Amino acid sequence: MTNVNWERWARATGIGFVVLFVVAFAIYGNPPKVNGSATDIVSFFDGHRGRVLTSMIIFGIAFLLLLWFIGTIANILREAGEGRIAATTIAAGGAFVGIQAVCGAIAGGLALNIAGIGDEGIVRALNTLLSTGQVISAYPLALIILFVSTGLSRAQIITADWHRYLGLLASVLVLLYGTTWATTGFWSATGGYLWIMIVAFIGWTLITSWLLYARATAEVPGRVAVPTT
């Protein structure tokens, strides 16, 4: 029973990630545009220093939960005989979270003192690097979503066909964010498409985590099975 409960909570860490991610994103606020002026960038990072640094702490905890969730899924896939997909999922997860850690370090550094004391060129360069790092992270993230959705379906862990199609759609929407290299407008790194990518990512994570949690709950002796279709 203890092992089953531990497995249930491990599968629910995806839900915990989504909650903390949304909270951190709300605290972080609306960041300066990828081509924003030095004045706008300094105003955001130096003017809202406490808010940005607080969000970095919450983001950090959220991505720890995401790593745990990815590791849990990889273990489920490995035990189901999908070892190659499990290994790829771990590699892509490490790459995604690693890029996010670098982006977090840049944002935290800007808020801590770089925005306040750095020259305009450095501040603008770091803000651009922060935005382009997010764009690059779309590639391993899309791979995670696609491989996990496919692997869970092949292993009959989640048997609902709609979840596999949802994963395919979410992976495409996330991958498209990797093409947002415009300097202004909807198709820039900080443009409107960013919100579509975020909704696709957190929506898929929330649903997948809940379905896996429900399956683990159904496996507890004496409980009524919770369907995943």
C-alpha atoms as a PDB file:
ATOM      1  CA  MET A   1       0.000   0.000   0.000  1.00  0.00           C
ATOM      2  CA  THR A   2       2.835   2.420   0.830  1.00  0.00           C
ATOM      3  CA  ASN A   3       4.514   1.755  -2.506  1.00  0.00           C
ATOM      4  CA  VAL A   4       1.244   2.320  -4.370  1.00  0.00           C
ATOM      5  CA  ASN A   5       0.618   5.610  -2.527  1.00  0.00           C
ATOM      6  CA  TRP A   6       4.145   6.768  -3.334  1.00  0.00           C
ATOM      7  CA  GLU A   7       3.580   5.940  -6.985  1.00  0.00           C
ATOM      8  CA  ARG A   8       0.280   7.832  -6.997  1.00  0.00           C
ATOM      9  CA  TRP A   9       1.899  10.996  -5.618  1.00  0.00           C
ATOM     10  CA  ALA A  10       4.828  10.686  -8.007  1.00  0.00           C
ATOM     11  CA  ARG A  11       2.396  10.606 -10.903  1.00  0.00           C
ATOM     12  CA  ALA A  12       0.627  13.682  -9.516  1.00  0.00           C
ATOM     13  CA  THR A  13       3.786  15.813  -9.561  1.00  0.00           C
ATOM     14  CA  GLY A  14       2.811  16.970 -13.045  1.00  0.00           C
ATOM     15  CA  ILE A  15      -0.255  18.616 -11.509  1.00  0.00           C
ATOM     16  CA  GLY A  16       1.943  20.211  -8.853  1.00  0.00           C
ATOM     17  CA  PHE A  17       4.235  21.544 -11.565  1.00  0.00           C
ATOM     18  CA  VAL A  18       1.341  23.159 -13.432  1.00  0.00           C
ATOM     19  CA  VAL A  19       0.024  24.857 -10.275  1.00  0.00           C
ATOM     20  CA  LEU A  20       3.421  26.278  -9.305  1.00  0.00           C
ATOM     21  CA  PHE A  21       4.219  27.244 -12.904  1.00  0.00           C
ATOM     22  CA  VAL A  22       1.003  29.253 -13.214  1.00  0.00           C
ATOM     23  CA  VAL A  23       1.624  30.961  -9.864  1.00  0.00           C
ATOM     24  CA  ALA A  24       5.218  31.818 -10.795  1.00  0.00           C
ATOM     25  CA  PHE A  25       4.194  33.075 -14.224  1.00  0.00           C
ATOM     26  CA  ALA A  26       1.536  35.314 -12.688  1.00  0.00           C
ATOM     27  CA  ILE A  27       4.041  36.766 -10.210  1.00  0.00           C
ATOM     28  CA  TYR A  28       6.695  37.242 -12.909  1.00  0.00           C
ATOM     29  CA  GLY A  29       4.375  39.433 -14.926  1.00  0.00           C
ATOM     30  CA  ASN A  30       4.564  40.563 -18.526  1.00  0.00           C
ATOM     31  CA  PRO A  31       8.249  40.552 -19.558  1.00  0.00           C
ATOM     32  CA  PRO A  32       9.792  43.095 -21.923  1.00  0.00           C
ATOM     33  CA  LYS A  33       9.625  42.302 -25.631  1.00  0.00           C
ATOM     34  CA  VAL A  34      12.511  40.527 -27.327  1.00  0.00           C
ATOM     35  CA  ASN A  35      13.434  43.778 -29.063  1.00  0.00           C
ATOM     36  CA  GLY A  36      12.519  45.960 -26.084  1.00  0.00           C
ATOM     37  CA  SER A  37      14.418  49.136 -25.312  1.00  0.00           C
ATOM     38  CA  ALA A  38      16.984  49.224 -22.532  1.00  0.00           C
ATOM     39  CA  THR A  39      14.640  51.508 -20.598  1.00  0.00           C
ATOM     40  CA  ASP A  40      11.797  48.968 -20.716  1.00  0.00           C
ATOM     41  CA  ILE A  41      14.100  46.108 -19.738  1.00  0.00           C
ATOM     42  CA  VAL A  42      15.620  47.980 -16.803  1.00  0.00           C
ATOM     43  CA  SER A  43      12.174  49.139 -15.704  1.00  0.00           C
ATOM     44  CA  PHE A  44      10.939  45.549 -15.601  1.00  0.00           C
ATOM     45  CA  PHE A  45      13.889  43.742 -14.024  1.00  0.00           C
ATOM     46  CA  ASP A  46      15.215  46.482 -11.762  1.00  0.00           C
ATOM     47  CA  GLY A  47      11.856  48.075 -11.022  1.00  0.00           C
ATOM     48  CA  HIS A  48      10.229  44.765 -10.076  1.00  0.00           C
ATOM     49  CA  ARG A  49      13.270  43.086  -8.582  1.00  0.00           C
ATOM     50  CA  GLY A  50      11.503  41.366  -5.679  1.00  0.00           C
ATOM     51  CA  ARG A  51       8.694  40.063  -7.851  1.00  0.00           C
ATOM     52  CA  VAL A  52      11.046  38.609 -10.452  1.00  0.00           C
ATOM     53  CA  LEU A  53      13.324  36.946  -7.886  1.00  0.00           C
ATOM     54  CA  THR A  54      10.324  35.490  -6.028  1.00  0.00           C
ATOM     55  CA  SER A  55       9.036  33.995  -9.250  1.00  0.00           C
ATOM     56  CA  MET A  56      12.480  32.478  -9.920  1.00  0.00           C
ATOM     57  CA  ILE A  57      12.272  30.564  -6.630  1.00  0.00           C
ATOM     58  CA  ILE A  58       8.811  29.230  -7.456  1.00  0.00           C
ATOM     59  CA  PHE A  59       9.830  28.392 -11.023  1.00  0.00           C
ATOM     60  CA  GLY A  60      12.796  26.483  -9.605  1.00  0.00           C
ATOM     61  CA  ILE A  61      10.593  24.341  -7.377  1.00  0.00           C
ATOM     62  CA  ALA A  62       8.134  23.831 -10.234  1.00  0.00           C
ATOM     63  CA  PHE A  63      10.835  22.496 -12.553  1.00  0.00           C
ATOM     64  CA  LEU A  64      12.076  20.146  -9.849  1.00  0.00           C
ATOM     65  CA  LEU A  65       8.561  18.679  -9.790  1.00  0.00           C
ATOM     66  CA  LEU A  66       8.635  18.467 -13.586  1.00  0.00           C
ATOM     67  CA  LEU A  67      11.892  16.518 -13.448  1.00  0.00           C
ATOM     68  CA  TRP A  68      10.319  14.148 -10.929  1.00  0.00           C
ATOM     69  CA  PHE A  69       7.279  13.762 -13.178  1.00  0.00           C
ATOM     70  CA  ILE A  70       9.431  13.051 -16.234  1.00  0.00           C
ATOM     71  CA  GLY A  71      11.452  10.511 -14.261  1.00  0.00           C
ATOM     72  CA  THR A  72       8.257   8.828 -13.088  1.00  0.00           C
ATOM     73  CA  ILE A  73       6.937   8.552 -16.633  1.00  0.00           C
ATOM     74  CA  ALA A  74      10.275   7.221 -17.864  1.00  0.00           C
ATOM     75  CA  ASN A  75      10.204   4.546 -15.168  1.00  0.00           C
ATOM     76  CA  ILE A  76       6.653   3.568 -16.121  1.00  0.00           C
ATOM     77  CA  LEU A  77       7.670   3.273 -19.778  1.00  0.00           C
ATOM     78  CA  ARG A  78      10.815   1.298 -18.955  1.00  0.00           C
ATOM     79  CA  GLU A  79       8.863  -1.194 -16.857  1.00  0.00           C
ATOM     80  CA  ALA A  80       6.376  -1.538 -19.721  1.00  0.00           C
ATOM     81  CA  GLY A  81       9.165  -2.479 -22.144  1.00  0.00           C
ATOM     82  CA  GLU A  82       9.541   0.928 -23.815  1.00  0.00           C
ATOM     83  CA  GLY A  83      13.157   1.427 -22.766  1.00  0.00           C
ATOM     84  CA  ARG A  84      14.252   3.485 -25.774  1.00  0.00           C
ATOM     85  CA  ILE A  85      11.371   5.947 -25.391  1.00  0.00           C
ATOM     86  CA  ALA A  86      12.075   6.135 -21.653  1.00  0.00           C
ATOM     87  CA  ALA A  87      15.741   6.979 -22.238  1.00  0.00           C
ATOM     88  CA  THR A  88      14.866   9.596 -24.855  1.00  0.00           C
ATOM     89  CA  THR A  89      12.312  11.144 -22.518  1.00  0.00           C
ATOM     90  CA  ILE A  90      14.889  11.516 -19.747  1.00  0.00           C
ATOM     91  CA  ALA A  91      17.447  13.020 -22.141  1.00  0.00           C
ATOM     92  CA  ALA A  92      14.947  15.496 -23.587  1.00  0.00           C
ATOM     93  CA  GLY A  93      13.683  16.340 -20.103  1.00  0.00           C
ATOM     94  CA  GLY A  94      17.196  17.084 -18.898  1.00  0.00           C
ATOM     95  CA  ALA A  95      17.846  19.280 -21.945  1.00  0.00           C
ATOM     96  CA  PHE A  96      14.595  21.212 -21.504  1.00  0.00           C
ATOM     97  CA  VAL A  97      15.020  21.844 -17.786  1.00  0.00           C
ATOM     98  CA  GLY A  98      18.699  22.682 -18.337  1.00  0.00           C
ATOM     99  CA  ILE A  99      17.804  25.402 -20.848  1.00  0.00           C
ATOM    100  CA  GLN A 100      15.138  26.703 -18.481  1.00  0.00           C
ATOM    101  CA  ALA A 101      17.734  26.846 -15.701  1.00  0.00           C
ATOM    102  CA  VAL A 102      20.008  28.983 -17.880  1.00  0.00           C
ATOM    103  CA  CYS A 103      17.109  31.284 -18.762  1.00  0.00           C
ATOM    104  CA  GLY A 104      16.230  31.534 -15.077  1.00  0.00           C
ATOM    105  CA  ALA A 105      19.817  32.441 -14.234  1.00  0.00           C
ATOM    106  CA  ILE A 106      19.756  35.216 -16.840  1.00  0.00           C
ATOM    107  CA  ALA A 107      16.436  36.601 -15.595  1.00  0.00           C
ATOM    108  CA  GLY A 108      17.546  36.345 -11.971  1.00  0.00           C
ATOM    109  CA  GLY A 109      20.876  38.010 -12.743  1.00  0.00           C
ATOM    110  CA  LEU A 110      19.163  40.886 -14.539  1.00  0.00           C
ATOM    111  CA  ALA A 111      16.838  41.414 -11.595  1.00  0.00           C
ATOM    112  CA  LEU A 112      19.542  41.034  -8.961  1.00  0.00           C
ATOM    113  CA  ASN A 113      21.824  43.794 -10.207  1.00  0.00           C
ATOM    114  CA  ILE A 114      22.753  43.534 -13.903  1.00  0.00           C
ATOM    115  CA  ALA A 115      19.784  45.598 -15.109  1.00  0.00           C
ATOM    116  CA  GLY A 116      20.590  48.272 -12.552  1.00  0.00           C
ATOM    117  CA  ILE A 117      24.323  48.593 -13.229  1.00  0.00           C
ATOM    118  CA  GLY A 118      24.865  47.152 -16.711  1.00  0.00           C
ATOM    119  CA  ASP A 119      25.147  49.267 -19.845  1.00  0.00           C
ATOM    120  CA  GLU A 120      22.369  49.328 -22.404  1.00  0.00           C
ATOM    121  CA  GLY A 121      24.086  46.923 -24.809  1.00  0.00           C
ATOM    122  CA  ILE A 122      24.606  44.226 -22.172  1.00  0.00           C
ATOM    123  CA  VAL A 123      21.078  44.560 -20.814  1.00  0.00           C
ATOM    124  CA  ARG A 124      19.509  44.274 -24.273  1.00  0.00           C
ATOM    125  CA  ALA A 125      21.783  41.377 -25.235  1.00  0.00           C
ATOM    126  CA  LEU A 126      20.868  39.390 -22.123  1.00  0.00           C
ATOM    127  CA  ASN A 127      17.168  40.046 -22.640  1.00  0.00           C
ATOM    128  CA  THR A 128      17.457  38.776 -26.220  1.00  0.00           C
ATOM    129  CA  LEU A 129      19.371  35.707 -25.049  1.00  0.00           C
ATOM    130  CA  LEU A 130      16.668  35.036 -22.461  1.00  0.00           C
ATOM    131  CA  SER A 131      13.954  35.099 -25.136  1.00  0.00           C
ATOM    132  CA  THR A 132      15.866  33.023 -27.685  1.00  0.00           C
ATOM    133  CA  GLY A 133      16.679  30.446 -25.024  1.00  0.00           C
ATOM    134  CA  GLN A 134      12.967  29.950 -24.492  1.00  0.00           C
ATOM    135  CA  VAL A 135      12.504  29.456 -28.235  1.00  0.00           C
ATOM    136  CA  ILE A 136      15.254  26.818 -28.393  1.00  0.00           C
ATOM    137  CA  SER A 137      13.723  24.949 -25.437  1.00  0.00           C
ATOM    138  CA  ALA A 138      10.640  24.234 -27.559  1.00  0.00           C
ATOM    139  CA  TYR A 139      12.482  21.457 -29.428  1.00  0.00           C
ATOM    140  CA  PRO A 140      13.205  19.095 -26.504  1.00  0.00           C
ATOM    141  CA  LEU A 141       9.823  19.934 -24.990  1.00  0.00           C
ATOM    142  CA  ALA A 142       7.980  18.937 -28.165  1.00  0.00           C
ATOM    143  CA  LEU A 143       9.969  15.695 -28.201  1.00  0.00           C
ATOM    144  CA  ILE A 144       8.954  14.928 -24.599  1.00  0.00           C
ATOM    145  CA  ILE A 145       5.259  15.435 -25.329  1.00  0.00           C
ATOM    146  CA  LEU A 146       5.326  13.377 -28.535  1.00  0.00           C
ATOM    147  CA  PHE A 147       7.353  10.461 -27.156  1.00  0.00           C
ATOM    148  CA  VAL A 148       5.506  10.258 -23.838  1.00  0.00           C
ATOM    149  CA  SER A 149       2.086  10.318 -25.514  1.00  0.00           C
ATOM    150  CA  THR A 150       3.182   7.674 -28.018  1.00  0.00           C
ATOM    151  CA  GLY A 151       4.924   5.508 -25.426  1.00  0.00           C
ATOM    152  CA  LEU A 152       2.043   5.527 -22.955  1.00  0.00           C
ATOM    153  CA  SER A 153      -0.340   4.556 -25.756  1.00  0.00           C
ATOM    154  CA  ARG A 154       1.896   1.765 -27.104  1.00  0.00           C
ATOM    155  CA  ALA A 155       2.387   0.352 -23.615  1.00  0.00           C
ATOM    156  CA  GLN A 156      -1.374   0.502 -22.954  1.00  0.00           C
ATOM    157  CA  ILE A 157      -0.798   2.662 -19.883  1.00  0.00           C
ATOM    158  CA  ILE A 158      -3.210   5.293 -21.174  1.00  0.00           C
ATOM    159  CA  THR A 159      -5.517   3.628 -23.661  1.00  0.00           C
ATOM    160  CA  ALA A 160      -7.607   6.630 -24.665  1.00  0.00           C
ATOM    161  CA  ASP A 161      -7.034   7.416 -28.330  1.00  0.00           C
ATOM    162  CA  TRP A 162      -7.874  11.061 -27.753  1.00  0.00           C
ATOM    163  CA  HIS A 163      -4.885  11.428 -25.422  1.00  0.00           C
ATOM    164  CA  ARG A 164      -2.509  10.259 -28.140  1.00  0.00           C
ATOM    165  CA  TYR A 165      -4.032  12.745 -30.578  1.00  0.00           C
ATOM    166  CA  LEU A 166      -3.886  15.464 -27.926  1.00  0.00           C
ATOM    167  CA  GLY A 167      -0.188  14.737 -27.462  1.00  0.00           C
ATOM    168  CA  LEU A 168       0.407  14.962 -31.206  1.00  0.00           C
ATOM    169  CA  LEU A 169      -1.414  18.307 -31.387  1.00  0.00           C
ATOM    170  CA  ALA A 170       0.363  19.697 -28.327  1.00  0.00           C
ATOM    171  CA  SER A 171       3.770  18.628 -29.635  1.00  0.00           C
ATOM    172  CA  VAL A 172       3.129  20.374 -32.967  1.00  0.00           C
ATOM    173  CA  LEU A 173       1.952  23.564 -31.240  1.00  0.00           C
ATOM    174  CA  VAL A 174       5.019  23.569 -28.993  1.00  0.00           C
ATOM    175  CA  LEU A 175       7.360  22.803 -31.884  1.00  0.00           C
ATOM    176  CA  LEU A 176       5.963  25.738 -33.847  1.00  0.00           C
ATOM    177  CA  TYR A 177       7.104  28.031 -31.047  1.00  0.00           C
ATOM    178  CA  GLY A 178      10.606  27.033 -32.067  1.00  0.00           C
ATOM    179  CA  THR A 179      10.049  29.004 -35.272  1.00  0.00           C
ATOM    180  CA  THR A 180       9.129  32.312 -33.613  1.00  0.00           C
ATOM    181  CA  TRP A 181      12.220  34.206 -34.707  1.00  0.00           C
ATOM    182  CA  ALA A 182      10.475  37.432 -35.704  1.00  0.00           C
ATOM    183  CA  THR A 183      11.641  40.507 -33.807  1.00  0.00           C
ATOM    184  CA  THR A 184       8.155  41.973 -33.404  1.00  0.00           C
ATOM    185  CA  GLY A 185       4.528  40.931 -33.521  1.00  0.00           C
ATOM    186  CA  PHE A 186       2.586  37.736 -32.949  1.00  0.00           C
ATOM    187  CA  TRP A 187       5.354  35.434 -34.203  1.00  0.00           C
ATOM    188  CA  SER A 188       8.133  36.841 -32.026  1.00  0.00           C
ATOM    189  CA  ALA A 189       9.486  34.986 -28.983  1.00  0.00           C
ATOM    190  CA  THR A 190       7.464  37.233 -26.666  1.00  0.00           C
ATOM    191  CA  GLY A 191       4.496  37.631 -29.012  1.00  0.00           C
ATOM    192  CA  GLY A 192       1.010  36.217 -28.886  1.00  0.00           C
ATOM    193  CA  TYR A 193       1.975  32.708 -29.959  1.00  0.00           C
ATOM    194  CA  LEU A 194       3.850  32.302 -26.671  1.00  0.00           C
ATOM    195  CA  TRP A 195       0.481  31.951 -24.915  1.00  0.00           C
ATOM    196  CA  ILE A 196      -0.682  29.237 -27.303  1.00  0.00           C
ATOM    197  CA  MET A 197       2.490  27.259 -26.617  1.00  0.00           C
ATOM    198  CA  ILE A 198       2.137  27.641 -22.849  1.00  0.00           C
ATOM    199  CA  VAL A 199      -1.507  26.520 -22.866  1.00  0.00           C
ATOM    200  CA  ALA A 200      -0.634  23.488 -25.014  1.00  0.00           C
ATOM    201  CA  PHE A 201       2.225  22.512 -22.702  1.00  0.00           C
ATOM    202  CA  ILE A 202       0.550  22.944 -19.322  1.00  0.00           C
ATOM    203  CA  GLY A 203      -2.763  21.557 -20.598  1.00  0.00           C
ATOM    204  CA  TRP A 204      -1.115  18.354 -21.828  1.00  0.00           C
ATOM    205  CA  THR A 205       0.924  18.022 -18.625  1.00  0.00           C
ATOM    206  CA  LEU A 206      -2.127  18.493 -16.416  1.00  0.00           C
ATOM    207  CA  ILE A 207      -4.237  15.953 -18.300  1.00  0.00           C
ATOM    208  CA  THR A 208      -1.453  13.367 -18.533  1.00  0.00           C
ATOM    209  CA  SER A 209      -0.600  13.652 -14.859  1.00  0.00           C
ATOM    210  CA  TRP A 210      -4.253  13.280 -13.864  1.00  0.00           C
ATOM    211  CA  LEU A 211      -4.774  10.220 -16.074  1.00  0.00           C
ATOM    212  CA  LEU A 212      -1.681   8.525 -14.660  1.00  0.00           C
ATOM    213  CA  TYR A 213      -2.745   9.392 -11.105  1.00  0.00           C
ATOM    214  CA  ALA A 214      -6.233   8.025 -11.763  1.00  0.00           C
ATOM    215  CA  ARG A 215      -4.796   4.779 -13.099  1.00  0.00           C
ATOM    216  CA  ALA A 216      -2.611   4.356 -10.014  1.00  0.00           C
ATOM    217  CA  THR A 217      -5.636   5.019  -7.804  1.00  0.00           C
ATOM    218  CA  ALA A 218      -7.610   2.370  -9.669  1.00  0.00           C
ATOM    219  CA  GLU A 219      -4.857  -0.156  -8.958  1.00  0.00           C
ATOM    220  CA  VAL A 220      -5.228   0.222  -5.183  1.00  0.00           C
ATOM    221  CA  PRO A 221      -7.034  -2.875  -3.795  1.00  0.00           C
ATOM    222  CA  GLY A 222     -10.610  -2.185  -2.777  1.00  0.00           C
ATOM    223  CA  ARG A 223     -11.006   0.934  -4.904  1.00  0.00           C
ATOM    224  CA  VAL A 224     -13.339   1.307  -7.815  1.00  0.00           C
ATOM    225  CA  ALA A 225     -11.397   1.501 -11.052  1.00  0.00           C
ATOM    226  CA  VAL A 226     -11.186   4.920 -12.633  1.00  0.00           C
ATOM    227  CA  PRO A 227     -11.410   4.659 -16.409  1.00  0.00           C
ATOM    228  CA  THR A 228      -8.821   6.450 -18.549  1.00  0.00           C
ATOM    229  CA  THR A 229     -10.922   6.496 -21.692  1.00  0.00           C
END
